[in-house]
C-alpha atoms as a PDB file:
ATOM      1  CA  MET A   1      88.081 122.137 -68.216  1.00  0.00           C
ATOM      2  CA  THR A   2      89.635 119.381 -66.436  1.00  0.00           C
ATOM      3  CA  ARG A   3      87.650 117.332 -63.911  1.00  0.00           C
ATOM      4  CA  ALA A   4      90.146 118.467 -61.178  1.00  0.00           C
ATOM      5  CA  GLN A   5      89.870 122.218 -62.019  1.00  0.00           C
ATOM      6  CA  ARG A   6      85.955 121.676 -62.212  1.00  0.00           C
ATOM      7  CA  LYS A   7      86.079 120.368 -58.364  1.00  0.00           C
ATOM      8  CA  ARG A   8      88.578 123.260 -57.557  1.00  0.00           C
ATOM      9  CA  ASP A   9      85.890 125.671 -59.017  1.00  0.00           C
ATOM     10  CA  HIS A  10      83.075 124.215 -57.092  1.00  0.00           C
ATOM     11  CA  ILE A  11      84.898 124.393 -53.863  1.00  0.00           C
ATOM     12  CA  ASN A  12      86.010 128.214 -54.582  1.00  0.00           C
ATOM     13  CA  TYR A  13      82.486 129.064 -55.341  1.00  0.00           C
ATOM     14  CA  ALA A  14      80.753 127.373 -52.530  1.00  0.00           C
ATOM     15  CA  LEU A  15      82.926 129.337 -50.342  1.00  0.00           C
ATOM     16  CA  THR A  16      81.932 132.743 -52.185  1.00  0.00           C
ATOM     17  CA  THR A  17      78.904 132.856 -54.454  1.00  0.00           C
ATOM     18  CA  GLY A  18      77.086 129.790 -53.226  1.00  0.00           C
ATOM     19  CA  GLN A  19      76.661 130.606 -49.553  1.00  0.00           C
ATOM     20  CA  GLN A  20      73.235 131.724 -48.337  1.00  0.00           C
ATOM     21  CA  ASN A  21      71.288 131.933 -44.932  1.00  0.00           C
ATOM     22  CA  LYS A  22      68.103 131.291 -45.787  1.00  0.00           C
ATOM     23  CA  THR A  23      67.222 128.035 -43.681  1.00  0.00           C
ATOM     24  CA  GLY A  24      64.242 129.103 -41.586  1.00  0.00           C
ATOM     25  CA  PHE A  25      65.766 128.558 -38.526  1.00  0.00           C
ATOM     26  CA  GLU A  26      65.570 132.048 -37.344  1.00  0.00           C
ATOM     27  CA  ASP A  27      61.819 131.385 -37.370  1.00  0.00           C
ATOM     28  CA  VAL A  28      62.209 128.682 -34.464  1.00  0.00           C
ATOM     29  CA  LYS A  29      62.170 129.582 -30.896  1.00  0.00           C
ATOM     30  CA  PHE A  30      62.270 127.622 -27.779  1.00  0.00           C
ATOM     31  CA  VAL A  31      59.929 127.999 -24.640  1.00  0.00           C
ATOM     32  CA  HIS A  32      62.372 128.689 -21.825  1.00  0.00           C
ATOM     33  CA  GLN A  33      62.360 126.247 -18.895  1.00  0.00           C
ATOM     34  CA  SER A  34      62.935 127.450 -15.507  1.00  0.00           C
ATOM     35  CA  LEU A  35      62.943 123.986 -13.794  1.00  0.00           C
ATOM     36  CA  PRO A  36      64.682 121.987 -16.104  1.00  0.00           C
ATOM     37  CA  ASP A  37      65.725 119.161 -13.661  1.00  0.00           C
ATOM     38  CA  ALA A  38      68.799 118.377 -15.306  1.00  0.00           C
ATOM     39  CA  THR A  39      72.744 118.513 -14.734  1.00  0.00           C
ATOM     40  CA  LEU A  40      75.289 119.216 -17.386  1.00  0.00           C
ATOM     41  CA  ASP A  41      77.171 116.568 -16.661  1.00  0.00           C
ATOM     42  CA  ASP A  42      74.449 113.930 -17.550  1.00  0.00           C
ATOM     43  CA  THR A  43      73.851 114.968 -20.796  1.00  0.00           C
ATOM     44  CA  ARG A  44      74.962 112.575 -23.427  1.00  0.00           C
ATOM     45  CA  LEU A  45      75.368 113.576 -27.161  1.00  0.00           C
ATOM     46  CA  GLN A  46      75.363 110.038 -28.801  1.00  0.00           C
ATOM     47  CA  SER A  47      72.916 109.676 -31.612  1.00  0.00           C
ATOM     48  CA  ARG A  48      71.599 106.941 -33.803  1.00  0.00           C
ATOM     49  CA  ILE A  49      70.863 106.747 -37.474  1.00  0.00           C
ATOM     50  CA  GLY A  50      68.781 103.491 -37.587  1.00  0.00           C
ATOM     51  CA  GLU A  51      71.351 100.725 -36.615  1.00  0.00           C
ATOM     52  CA  LEU A  52      74.256 103.034 -36.584  1.00  0.00           C
ATOM     53  CA  SER A  53      75.504 104.275 -33.516  1.00  0.00           C
ATOM     54  CA  LEU A  54      77.415 107.710 -33.354  1.00  0.00           C
ATOM     55  CA  SER A  55      79.046 109.416 -30.349  1.00  0.00           C
ATOM     56  CA  SER A  56      78.020 112.971 -31.754  1.00  0.00           C
ATOM     57  CA  PRO A  57      74.694 114.422 -33.596  1.00  0.00           C
ATOM     58  CA  ILE A  58      77.286 116.048 -35.986  1.00  0.00           C
ATOM     59  CA  PHE A  59      78.625 114.571 -38.953  1.00  0.00           C
ATOM     60  CA  VAL A  60      80.788 116.457 -42.090  1.00  0.00           C
ATOM     61  CA  ASN A  61      78.526 116.095 -44.805  1.00  0.00           C
ATOM     62  CA  ALA A  62      79.774 115.262 -48.596  1.00  0.00           C
ATOM     63  CA  MET A  63      81.105 118.286 -49.880  1.00  0.00           C
ATOM     64  CA  THR A  64      84.321 117.154 -52.074  1.00  0.00           C
ATOM     65  CA  GLY A  65      84.567 114.452 -54.657  1.00  0.00           C
ATOM     66  CA  GLY A  66      87.931 113.322 -56.565  1.00  0.00           C
ATOM     67  CA  GLY A  67      89.462 116.271 -58.076  1.00  0.00           C
ATOM     68  CA  GLY A  68      93.291 116.178 -57.784  1.00  0.00           C
ATOM     69  CA  GLU A  69      95.885 117.050 -54.970  1.00  0.00           C
ATOM     70  CA  TYR A  70      93.480 119.863 -53.796  1.00  0.00           C
ATOM     71  CA  THR A  71      90.488 118.024 -52.897  1.00  0.00           C
ATOM     72  CA  SER A  72      92.487 115.061 -51.556  1.00  0.00           C
ATOM     73  CA  LYS A  73      94.203 117.321 -49.064  1.00  0.00           C
ATOM     74  CA  ILE A  74      90.881 118.764 -47.939  1.00  0.00           C
ATOM     75  CA  ASN A  75      89.395 115.223 -47.529  1.00  0.00           C
ATOM     76  CA  ALA A  76      92.702 114.117 -45.625  1.00  0.00           C
ATOM     77  CA  GLU A  77      92.064 117.113 -43.086  1.00  0.00           C
ATOM     78  CA  LEU A  78      88.107 116.302 -42.950  1.00  0.00           C
ATOM     79  CA  SER A  79      89.137 112.571 -42.063  1.00  0.00           C
ATOM     80  CA  LEU A  80      91.510 113.948 -39.433  1.00  0.00           C
ATOM     81  CA  LEU A  81      88.937 116.228 -37.650  1.00  0.00           C
ATOM     82  CA  ALA A  82      86.347 113.365 -37.654  1.00  0.00           C
ATOM     83  CA  ARG A  83      88.763 111.106 -35.942  1.00  0.00           C
ATOM     84  CA  GLU A  84      89.711 113.880 -33.356  1.00  0.00           C
ATOM     85  CA  THR A  85      86.324 114.841 -32.733  1.00  0.00           C
ATOM     86  CA  GLY A  86      84.499 111.703 -32.885  1.00  0.00           C
ATOM     87  CA  ILE A  87      82.185 113.076 -35.749  1.00  0.00           C
ATOM     88  CA  GLY A  88      80.978 111.120 -38.791  1.00  0.00           C
ATOM     89  CA  LEU A  89      82.067 111.780 -42.109  1.00  0.00           C
ATOM     90  CA  ALA A  90      80.745 111.709 -45.541  1.00  0.00           C
ATOM     91  CA  VAL A  91      82.484 111.823 -48.558  1.00  0.00           C
ATOM     92  CA  GLY A  92      81.796 113.689 -52.129  1.00  0.00           C
ATOM     93  CA  SER A  93      80.649 111.565 -54.930  1.00  0.00           C
ATOM     94  CA  GLN A  94      82.709 108.448 -55.594  1.00  0.00           C
ATOM     95  CA  MET A  95      81.856 108.001 -59.378  1.00  0.00           C
ATOM     96  CA  SER A  96      85.126 109.741 -60.671  1.00  0.00           C
ATOM     97  CA  ALA A  97      87.150 107.157 -58.905  1.00  0.00           C
ATOM     98  CA  LEU A  98      85.025 104.113 -60.178  1.00  0.00           C
ATOM     99  CA  LYS A  99      86.017 105.558 -63.655  1.00  0.00           C
ATOM    100  CA  ASP A 100      89.168 106.423 -63.042  1.00  0.00           C
ATOM    101  CA  PRO A 101      91.142 104.331 -60.653  1.00  0.00           C
ATOM    102  CA  SER A 102      93.842 107.261 -60.349  1.00  0.00           C
ATOM    103  CA  GLU A 103      91.472 108.726 -58.183  1.00  0.00           C
ATOM    104  CA  ARG A 104      90.701 106.259 -55.767  1.00  0.00           C
ATOM    105  CA  LYS A 105      93.645 107.732 -53.334  1.00  0.00           C
ATOM    106  CA  THR A 106      91.803 110.927 -52.816  1.00  0.00           C
ATOM    107  CA  TYR A 107      88.957 108.897 -50.961  1.00  0.00           C
ATOM    108  CA  GLU A 108      90.888 106.262 -49.554  1.00  0.00           C
ATOM    109  CA  ILE A 109      92.921 108.636 -47.568  1.00  0.00           C
ATOM    110  CA  VAL A 110      89.780 109.151 -45.181  1.00  0.00           C
ATOM    111  CA  ARG A 111      89.466 105.283 -43.963  1.00  0.00           C
ATOM    112  CA  LYS A 112      93.482 105.472 -43.815  1.00  0.00           C
ATOM    113  CA  ASN A 113      93.363 108.515 -41.353  1.00  0.00           C
ATOM    114  CA  ASN A 114      90.233 107.555 -39.666  1.00  0.00           C
ATOM    115  CA  PRO A 115      90.283 103.700 -39.497  1.00  0.00           C
ATOM    116  CA  ASP A 116      87.540 103.506 -36.670  1.00  0.00           C
ATOM    117  CA  GLY A 117      85.335 106.157 -37.688  1.00  0.00           C
ATOM    118  CA  ILE A 118      81.726 106.375 -39.004  1.00  0.00           C
ATOM    119  CA  ILE A 119      82.135 106.939 -42.994  1.00  0.00           C
ATOM    120  CA  PHE A 120      79.552 107.319 -45.533  1.00  0.00           C
ATOM    121  CA  ALA A 121      80.179 106.580 -49.131  1.00  0.00           C
ATOM    122  CA  ASN A 122      78.489 108.410 -51.749  1.00  0.00           C
ATOM    123  CA  LEU A 123      77.190 108.184 -55.182  1.00  0.00           C
ATOM    124  CA  GLY A 124      74.228 109.628 -57.528  1.00  0.00           C
ATOM    125  CA  SER A 125      70.972 107.931 -58.354  1.00  0.00           C
ATOM    126  CA  GLU A 126      72.206 107.025 -61.679  1.00  0.00           C
ATOM    127  CA  ALA A 127      74.388 104.553 -60.104  1.00  0.00           C
ATOM    128  CA  SER A 128      74.316 100.769 -60.391  1.00  0.00           C
ATOM    129  CA  VAL A 129      74.414  98.067 -57.800  1.00  0.00           C
ATOM    130  CA  GLN A 130      77.864  97.135 -58.967  1.00  0.00           C
ATOM    131  CA  GLN A 131      78.991 100.709 -58.531  1.00  0.00           C
ATOM    132  CA  ALA A 132      77.546 101.102 -54.888  1.00  0.00           C
ATOM    133  CA  ILE A 133      79.295  97.751 -53.772  1.00  0.00           C
ATOM    134  CA  ASP A 134      82.550  99.137 -55.252  1.00  0.00           C
ATOM    135  CA  ALA A 135      82.086 102.521 -53.623  1.00  0.00           C
ATOM    136  CA  VAL A 136      81.465 101.144 -50.364  1.00  0.00           C
ATOM    137  CA  GLU A 137      84.203  98.802 -50.422  1.00  0.00           C
ATOM    138  CA  MET A 138      86.895 101.380 -51.638  1.00  0.00           C
ATOM    139  CA  ILE A 139      86.493 103.167 -48.247  1.00  0.00           C
ATOM    140  CA  GLU A 140      85.125 100.100 -45.961  1.00  0.00           C
ATOM    141  CA  ALA A 141      82.040 102.559 -45.490  1.00  0.00           C
ATOM    142  CA  ASP A 142      79.393 102.177 -42.775  1.00  0.00           C
ATOM    143  CA  ALA A 143      76.636 103.378 -45.098  1.00  0.00           C
ATOM    144  CA  LEU A 144      76.107 104.899 -48.560  1.00  0.00           C
ATOM    145  CA  GLN A 145      74.775 108.231 -49.395  1.00  0.00           C
ATOM    146  CA  VAL A 146      72.747 108.343 -52.568  1.00  0.00           C
ATOM    147  CA  HIS A 147      72.504 112.090 -53.481  1.00  0.00           C
ATOM    148  CA  LEU A 148      69.716 113.612 -55.461  1.00  0.00           C
ATOM    149  CA  ASN A 149      70.675 116.759 -57.291  1.00  0.00           C
ATOM    150  CA  VAL A 150      68.271 117.299 -60.252  1.00  0.00           C
ATOM    151  CA  ILE A 151      68.650 121.147 -60.183  1.00  0.00           C
ATOM    152  CA  GLN A 152      72.404 121.182 -59.925  1.00  0.00           C
ATOM    153  CA  GLU A 153      72.700 118.901 -62.923  1.00  0.00           C
ATOM    154  CA  LEU A 154      69.904 121.013 -64.913  1.00  0.00           C
ATOM    155  CA  THR A 155      72.084 124.060 -64.248  1.00  0.00           C
ATOM    156  CA  MET A 156      75.418 122.347 -64.889  1.00  0.00           C
ATOM    157  CA  PRO A 157      76.394 122.882 -68.586  1.00  0.00           C
ATOM    158  CA  GLU A 158      77.599 119.270 -68.649  1.00  0.00           C
ATOM    159  CA  GLY A 159      74.833 117.932 -66.392  1.00  0.00           C
ATOM    160  CA  ASP A 160      72.612 115.047 -66.957  1.00  0.00           C
ATOM    161  CA  ARG A 161      68.881 115.648 -68.300  1.00  0.00           C
ATOM    162  CA  ASP A 162      67.540 112.163 -67.763  1.00  0.00           C
ATOM    163  CA  PHE A 163      65.989 111.416 -64.321  1.00  0.00           C
ATOM    164  CA  LYS A 164      64.116 108.483 -65.082  1.00  0.00           C
ATOM    165  CA  GLY A 165      64.262 105.032 -62.966  1.00  0.00           C
ATOM    166  CA  ALA A 166      66.010 106.960 -60.082  1.00  0.00           C
ATOM    167  CA  LEU A 167      63.462 105.523 -57.708  1.00  0.00           C
ATOM    168  CA  GLU A 168      63.755 102.009 -58.827  1.00  0.00           C
ATOM    169  CA  ARG A 169      67.517 102.225 -58.711  1.00  0.00           C
ATOM    170  CA  ILE A 170      67.642 103.413 -55.181  1.00  0.00           C
ATOM    171  CA  HIS A 171      65.347 100.696 -53.953  1.00  0.00           C
ATOM    172  CA  THR A 172      67.573  98.039 -55.886  1.00  0.00           C
ATOM    173  CA  ILE A 173      70.844  99.294 -54.355  1.00  0.00           C
ATOM    174  CA  ALA A 174      69.250  99.342 -50.576  1.00  0.00           C
ATOM    175  CA  ASP A 175      67.864  96.043 -50.982  1.00  0.00           C
ATOM    176  CA  ARG A 176      71.432  94.477 -52.374  1.00  0.00           C
ATOM    177  CA  LEU A 177      73.646  96.540 -50.196  1.00  0.00           C
ATOM    178  CA  SER A 178      74.908  95.145 -46.958  1.00  0.00           C
ATOM    179  CA  VAL A 179      75.163  98.404 -45.402  1.00  0.00           C
ATOM    180  CA  PRO A 180      72.406 101.108 -44.675  1.00  0.00           C
ATOM    181  CA  VAL A 181      71.577 103.445 -47.488  1.00  0.00           C
ATOM    182  CA  ILE A 182      70.650 107.364 -46.847  1.00  0.00           C
ATOM    183  CA  VAL A 183      69.077 109.203 -49.708  1.00  0.00           C
ATOM    184  CA  LYS A 184      70.162 113.024 -49.415  1.00  0.00           C
ATOM    185  CA  GLU A 185      69.317 116.046 -51.219  1.00  0.00           C
ATOM    186  CA  THR A 186      71.886 118.676 -52.532  1.00  0.00           C
ATOM    187  CA  GLY A 187      70.671 122.126 -51.184  1.00  0.00           C
ATOM    188  CA  PHE A 188      66.910 122.146 -52.708  1.00  0.00           C
ATOM    189  CA  GLY A 189      65.087 119.935 -49.579  1.00  0.00           C
ATOM    190  CA  ILE A 190      62.934 116.900 -49.403  1.00  0.00           C
ATOM    191  CA  SER A 191      59.405 117.263 -49.299  1.00  0.00           C
ATOM    192  CA  LYS A 192      56.815 115.304 -47.623  1.00  0.00           C
ATOM    193  CA  GLU A 193      55.751 113.708 -50.890  1.00  0.00           C
ATOM    194  CA  ALA A 194      59.038 112.592 -51.738  1.00  0.00           C
ATOM    195  CA  ALA A 195      59.688 111.419 -48.148  1.00  0.00           C
ATOM    196  CA  MET A 196      56.587 109.425 -48.540  1.00  0.00           C
ATOM    197  CA  THR A 197      57.724 108.111 -51.608  1.00  0.00           C
ATOM    198  CA  LEU A 198      61.088 107.227 -50.125  1.00  0.00           C
ATOM    199  CA  SER A 199      59.730 105.251 -47.010  1.00  0.00           C
ATOM    200  CA  GLY A 200      58.408 102.542 -49.371  1.00  0.00           C
ATOM    201  CA  THR A 201      61.712 101.446 -50.278  1.00  0.00           C
ATOM    202  CA  SER A 202      64.518  99.614 -48.264  1.00  0.00           C
ATOM    203  CA  ILE A 203      66.554 102.688 -47.725  1.00  0.00           C
ATOM    204  CA  SER A 204      67.566 103.273 -43.863  1.00  0.00           C
ATOM    205  CA  ALA A 205      67.106 107.163 -43.729  1.00  0.00           C
ATOM    206  CA  ILE A 206      66.584 110.482 -45.493  1.00  0.00           C
ATOM    207  CA  ASP A 207      68.989 113.357 -45.372  1.00  0.00           C
ATOM    208  CA  VAL A 208      66.718 116.604 -46.178  1.00  0.00           C
ATOM    209  CA  GLY A 209      69.714 118.578 -47.696  1.00  0.00           C
ATOM    210  CA  GLY A 210      67.405 121.613 -47.547  1.00  0.00           C
ATOM    211  CA  TYR A 211      67.924 125.197 -49.094  1.00  0.00           C
ATOM    212  CA  GLY A 212      69.721 127.720 -47.080  1.00  0.00           C
ATOM    213  CA  GLY A 213      73.007 126.554 -47.336  1.00  0.00           C
ATOM    214  CA  THR A 214      75.523 125.920 -50.316  1.00  0.00           C
ATOM    215  CA  ASN A 215      73.419 126.833 -53.436  1.00  0.00           C
ATOM    216  CA  PHE A 216      74.650 124.546 -56.421  1.00  0.00           C
ATOM    217  CA  SER A 217      72.425 126.472 -58.737  1.00  0.00           C
ATOM    218  CA  LYS A 218      74.311 129.810 -58.195  1.00  0.00           C
ATOM    219  CA  ILE A 219      77.572 127.776 -58.158  1.00  0.00           C
ATOM    220  CA  GLU A 220      76.873 126.348 -61.721  1.00  0.00           C
ATOM    221  CA  ASN A 221      75.347 129.487 -63.148  1.00  0.00           C
ATOM    222  CA  GLN A 222      78.569 131.061 -62.575  1.00  0.00           C
ATOM    223  CA  ARG A 223      79.870 128.405 -65.279  1.00  0.00           C
ATOM    224  CA  ARG A 224      77.082 128.912 -67.628  1.00  0.00           C
ATOM    225  CA  GLN A 225      76.902 131.379 -70.666  1.00  0.00           C
ATOM    226  CA  ARG A 226      73.091 131.879 -70.224  1.00  0.00           C
ATOM    227  CA  MET A 227      72.385 131.697 -66.585  1.00  0.00           C
ATOM    228  CA  LEU A 228      69.386 129.728 -65.267  1.00  0.00           C
ATOM    229  CA  SER A 229      68.747 132.223 -62.557  1.00  0.00           C
ATOM    230  CA  TYR A 230      65.108 131.271 -61.787  1.00  0.00           C
ATOM    231  CA  PHE A 231      66.471 128.015 -60.161  1.00  0.00           C
ATOM    232  CA  ASP A 232      68.541 130.197 -57.699  1.00  0.00           C
ATOM    233  CA  ASP A 233      65.750 130.810 -55.122  1.00  0.00           C
ATOM    234  CA  TRP A 234      64.258 127.371 -55.672  1.00  0.00           C
ATOM    235  CA  GLY A 235      63.924 124.806 -52.820  1.00  0.00           C
ATOM    236  CA  ILE A 236      62.513 123.953 -49.537  1.00  0.00           C
ATOM    237  CA  PRO A 237      64.052 125.673 -46.590  1.00  0.00           C
ATOM    238  CA  THR A 238      65.859 123.369 -44.278  1.00  0.00           C
ATOM    239  CA  ALA A 239      63.955 123.794 -41.429  1.00  0.00           C
ATOM    240  CA  ALA A 240      60.880 123.126 -43.175  1.00  0.00           C
ATOM    241  CA  SER A 241      62.153 120.216 -45.112  1.00  0.00           C
ATOM    242  CA  ILE A 242      62.948 118.636 -41.847  1.00  0.00           C
ATOM    243  CA  ALA A 243      59.511 119.019 -40.658  1.00  0.00           C
ATOM    244  CA  GLU A 244      57.967 117.722 -43.774  1.00  0.00           C
ATOM    245  CA  ALA A 245      60.198 114.557 -43.995  1.00  0.00           C
ATOM    246  CA  HIS A 246      59.580 113.967 -40.213  1.00  0.00           C
ATOM    247  CA  SER A 247      56.013 114.148 -40.599  1.00  0.00           C
ATOM    248  CA  VAL A 248      55.227 111.345 -42.963  1.00  0.00           C
ATOM    249  CA  SER A 249      58.539 109.005 -43.520  1.00  0.00           C
ATOM    250  CA  GLY A 250      58.838 107.189 -40.205  1.00  0.00           C
ATOM    251  CA  LEU A 251      62.533 106.929 -40.984  1.00  0.00           C
ATOM    252  CA  PRO A 252      65.325 108.553 -39.222  1.00  0.00           C
ATOM    253  CA  ILE A 253      65.945 112.041 -40.703  1.00  0.00           C
ATOM    254  CA  LEU A 254      69.133 113.779 -40.884  1.00  0.00           C
ATOM    255  CA  ALA A 255      69.158 117.478 -41.314  1.00  0.00           C
ATOM    256  CA  SER A 256      71.814 119.314 -43.667  1.00  0.00           C
ATOM    257  CA  GLY A 257      71.539 122.526 -45.433  1.00  0.00           C
ATOM    258  CA  GLY A 258      73.270 125.870 -44.105  1.00  0.00           C
ATOM    259  CA  ILE A 259      73.443 124.684 -40.611  1.00  0.00           C
ATOM    260  CA  ARG A 260      76.311 126.848 -39.062  1.00  0.00           C
ATOM    261  CA  ASN A 261      76.301 126.578 -35.314  1.00  0.00           C
ATOM    262  CA  SER A 262      75.026 124.944 -32.152  1.00  0.00           C
ATOM    263  CA  LEU A 263      71.631 126.592 -31.733  1.00  0.00           C
ATOM    264  CA  GLU A 264      70.977 125.813 -35.173  1.00  0.00           C
ATOM    265  CA  ILE A 265      71.951 122.183 -34.587  1.00  0.00           C
ATOM    266  CA  VAL A 266      69.706 121.983 -31.433  1.00  0.00           C
ATOM    267  CA  LYS A 267      66.855 123.261 -33.550  1.00  0.00           C
ATOM    268  CA  ALA A 268      67.555 120.925 -36.143  1.00  0.00           C
ATOM    269  CA  LEU A 269      67.156 118.079 -33.879  1.00  0.00           C
ATOM    270  CA  SER A 270      64.055 119.565 -31.988  1.00  0.00           C
ATOM    271  CA  LEU A 271      62.343 119.639 -35.330  1.00  0.00           C
ATOM    272  CA  GLY A 272      62.744 116.124 -35.933  1.00  0.00           C
ATOM    273  CA  ALA A 273      66.175 115.203 -37.131  1.00  0.00           C
ATOM    274  CA  CYS A 274      68.223 112.501 -35.245  1.00  0.00           C
ATOM    275  CA  SER A 275      71.580 113.842 -36.581  1.00  0.00           C
ATOM    276  CA  VAL A 276      72.948 117.007 -38.295  1.00  0.00           C
ATOM    277  CA  GLY A 277      75.285 117.397 -41.215  1.00  0.00           C
ATOM    278  CA  MET A 278      77.573 120.186 -41.808  1.00  0.00           C
ATOM    279  CA  ALA A 279      79.634 120.921 -44.890  1.00  0.00           C
ATOM    280  CA  GLY A 280      79.798 124.580 -46.035  1.00  0.00           C
ATOM    281  CA  ALA A 281      80.847 125.982 -42.496  1.00  0.00           C
ATOM    282  CA  ILE A 282      83.102 123.136 -41.804  1.00  0.00           C
ATOM    283  CA  LEU A 283      84.940 123.749 -45.293  1.00  0.00           C
ATOM    284  CA  LYS A 284      85.169 127.436 -44.699  1.00  0.00           C
ATOM    285  CA  CYS A 285      86.898 126.877 -41.175  1.00  0.00           C
ATOM    286  CA  ILE A 286      89.192 124.487 -42.601  1.00  0.00           C
ATOM    287  CA  VAL A 287      90.456 126.576 -45.748  1.00  0.00           C
ATOM    288  CA  ASP A 288      90.588 129.961 -43.688  1.00  0.00           C
ATOM    289  CA  LYS A 289      91.583 128.761 -40.187  1.00  0.00           C
ATOM    290  CA  GLY A 290      93.207 125.247 -40.712  1.00  0.00           C
ATOM    291  CA  LEU A 291      92.657 121.896 -39.089  1.00  0.00           C
ATOM    292  CA  GLU A 292      93.493 122.593 -35.500  1.00  0.00           C
ATOM    293  CA  ALA A 293      91.132 125.721 -35.366  1.00  0.00           C
ATOM    294  CA  THR A 294      88.439 123.407 -36.785  1.00  0.00           C
ATOM    295  CA  ILE A 295      89.005 120.886 -34.276  1.00  0.00           C
ATOM    296  CA  GLU A 296      88.412 123.137 -31.590  1.00  0.00           C
ATOM    297  CA  GLU A 297      85.383 124.819 -33.240  1.00  0.00           C
ATOM    298  CA  VAL A 298      83.738 121.496 -33.375  1.00  0.00           C
ATOM    299  CA  ASN A 299      84.569 120.779 -29.965  1.00  0.00           C
ATOM    300  CA  ASP A 300      83.050 123.982 -29.023  1.00  0.00           C
ATOM    301  CA  PHE A 301      80.044 122.779 -30.795  1.00  0.00           C
ATOM    302  CA  HIS A 302      79.679 119.713 -28.569  1.00  0.00           C
ATOM    303  CA  THR A 303      80.029 122.063 -25.476  1.00  0.00           C
ATOM    304  CA  ASP A 304      77.306 124.151 -26.883  1.00  0.00           C
ATOM    305  CA  ILE A 305      74.834 121.595 -27.321  1.00  0.00           C
ATOM    306  CA  GLN A 306      75.367 120.316 -23.978  1.00  0.00           C
ATOM    307  CA  TYR A 307      74.668 123.413 -22.394  1.00  0.00           C
ATOM    308  CA  LEU A 308      71.653 123.879 -24.541  1.00  0.00           C
ATOM    309  CA  MET A 309      70.125 120.691 -23.704  1.00  0.00           C
ATOM    310  CA  CYS A 310      70.688 120.927 -20.120  1.00  0.00           C
ATOM    311  CA  ALA A 311      68.557 124.453 -20.282  1.00  0.00           C
ATOM    312  CA  LEU A 312      66.082 122.575 -22.023  1.00  0.00           C
ATOM    313  CA  GLY A 313      66.046 119.681 -19.451  1.00  0.00           C
ATOM    314  CA  CYS A 314      67.214 117.052 -22.094  1.00  0.00           C
ATOM    315  CA  MET A 315      69.827 114.296 -21.205  1.00  0.00           C
ATOM    316  CA  ARG A 316      69.654 112.538 -24.556  1.00  0.00           C
ATOM    317  CA  THR A 317      69.740 114.423 -28.018  1.00  0.00           C
ATOM    318  CA  GLU A 318      66.413 112.500 -28.859  1.00  0.00           C
ATOM    319  CA  ASP A 319      64.727 113.974 -25.815  1.00  0.00           C
ATOM    320  CA  LEU A 320      65.006 117.594 -27.908  1.00  0.00           C
ATOM    321  CA  GLN A 321      62.179 116.415 -30.272  1.00  0.00           C
ATOM    322  CA  LYS A 322      59.826 116.456 -26.973  1.00  0.00           C
ATOM    323  CA  VAL A 323      60.533 119.925 -26.259  1.00  0.00           C
ATOM    324  CA  PRO A 324      57.835 122.916 -26.780  1.00  0.00           C
ATOM    325  CA  LEU A 325      58.846 125.176 -29.891  1.00  0.00           C
ATOM    326  CA  ILE A 326      57.327 128.395 -31.069  1.00  0.00           C
ATOM    327  CA  LEU A 327      57.356 128.793 -34.997  1.00  0.00           C
ATOM    328  CA  THR A 328      57.092 131.905 -36.566  1.00  0.00           C
ATOM    329  CA  GLY A 329      57.052 134.018 -39.703  1.00  0.00           C
ATOM    330  CA  GLU A 330      57.843 132.172 -42.944  1.00  0.00           C
ATOM    331  CA  LEU A 331      58.235 128.890 -41.510  1.00  0.00           C
ATOM    332  CA  TYR A 332      54.648 128.811 -39.547  1.00  0.00           C
ATOM    333  CA  HIS A 333      53.176 130.137 -42.775  1.00  0.00           C
ATOM    334  CA  TRP A 334      54.867 127.142 -44.623  1.00  0.00           C
ATOM    335  CA  LEU A 335      53.923 124.462 -42.414  1.00  0.00           C
ATOM    336  CA  ALA A 336      50.564 125.884 -42.083  1.00  0.00           C
ATOM    337  CA  VAL A 337      49.654 125.952 -45.472  1.00  0.00           C
ATOM    338  CA  ARG A 338      51.067 122.504 -46.226  1.00  0.00           C
ATOM    339  CA  GLY A 339      48.885 121.246 -43.622  1.00  0.00           C
ATOM    340  CA  LEU A 340      51.736 120.246 -41.002  1.00  0.00           C
ATOM    341  CA  ASP A 341      49.965 122.124 -37.953  1.00  0.00           C
ATOM    342  CA  PRO A 342      52.898 124.412 -36.666  1.00  0.00           C
ATOM    343  CA  GLU A 343      50.961 125.033 -33.525  1.00  0.00           C
ATOM    344  CA  LYS A 344      51.486 121.011 -32.423  1.00  0.00           C
ATOM    345  CA  TYR A 345      55.238 122.079 -31.624  1.00  0.00           C
ATOM    346  CA  SER A 346      54.186 124.643 -29.354  1.00  0.00           C
ATOM    347  CA  ASN A 347      52.181 122.011 -27.041  1.00  0.00           C
ATOM    348  CA  ARG A 348      54.839 119.368 -26.832  1.00  0.00           C
ATOM    349  CA  GLN A 349      55.141 118.086 -23.463  1.00  0.00           C
ATOM    350  CA  PHE A 350      58.298 116.791 -21.971  1.00  0.00           C
ATOM    351  CA  ASN A 351      59.211 115.478 -18.786  1.00  0.00           C
ATOM    352  CA  ALA A 352      62.806 114.053 -18.498  1.00  0.00           C
END
C-alpha cells in the first residue's frame, strides 16, 4: 500500500469508523447568571497561547499529512477556511515531506493560501532538531506541534515500537527552536503526571488531545489482521484531561479531542483551556458540505461563543475560567478519584 492510499484510508476511516462522542463534556453544566452585567458587543474572542496572539479561541487541529492530491486539496481548503475566519491552523505530520521533497507542496499550500495566518508545523516525538527546524521553515510556521501517538503506533501494523528518549528529544527541540513548541496527544489524553513532566521542559503549551474524538486505535485496527481491540476504549476523556493538565502544568492548555460545537468549546475554555482545536468536525463539514458552508459554520461558532460568554458575564475568553461549573457523572467521579476536587469548580467566584 502506498503512503498516499494509507493517508486516504485514514481520512475515510476518520469520517466513519473512528468517530465517537465520549468526551465528558455532557457532565459539565454552567450555573446560570441572572445578572451577567454584560453586553454582547463587548465580548472579545481573542486568545493567547503563550506568546502567540490569536483572534479566535478556535484553531483547526492537525489531521492530514502528506498523501498526494487528495490531502493536498483538503489542506488547501483548510488554509482558506483559516484565512477567511481568522482561526489558526495546524498541519499534519510533515515527516513524509522531509523524507520525500515531492510532498512539500502538499504542506506549502497552507502558507501560500494564508500568508498572514497563525500556522503550526507538526512532527512526531521521534524527530531530530534539524527535522524540526526544516519543518518550521517549510511552511514559515509560527509554532511547532510535537505529537505523541504511542497507541496509534502500536496498533498500526507498520508503526513504531520504540518510544525511548522522547522526552529528551522534545526538550532539546524546544530549547533549540526559534518558535514555541506545543506537545499534543492524538486522541488518548494527557494525564496530570505527563503534564507535570512536560512542564519541566522548555515547551510552551500542551494540547491534551483527549479521548472522545477520532479514535486512531479503531482506525488502525481496521487495517490489521489481528485487531488490538483492547486499545479501542483506551484514554482520558477530553474534559477530564483538560482538568488534569491544567491542574499541575502551569503551561497554556489547548483542548482537543471530539469537540464539535460552540457549547463544548466554551466548556473546554471554562475547564482551563486557552484555545480549542477542532479536527474531525471540521474535516467532515469540508468533505460533506464544502468550503463555503464550513466558513459559515465556523462564523456561527464565533457568534454562538459570544452569546454564551455574554450569558455568563464574560467579556474575554480567559474570564471563562472563573465562572462556576457543576460537574456530574463520570467526570465528577474521575476527578474525585484522581484527587482533583471537582467541587472547587462549583464555588468559583467571578466578577467581571
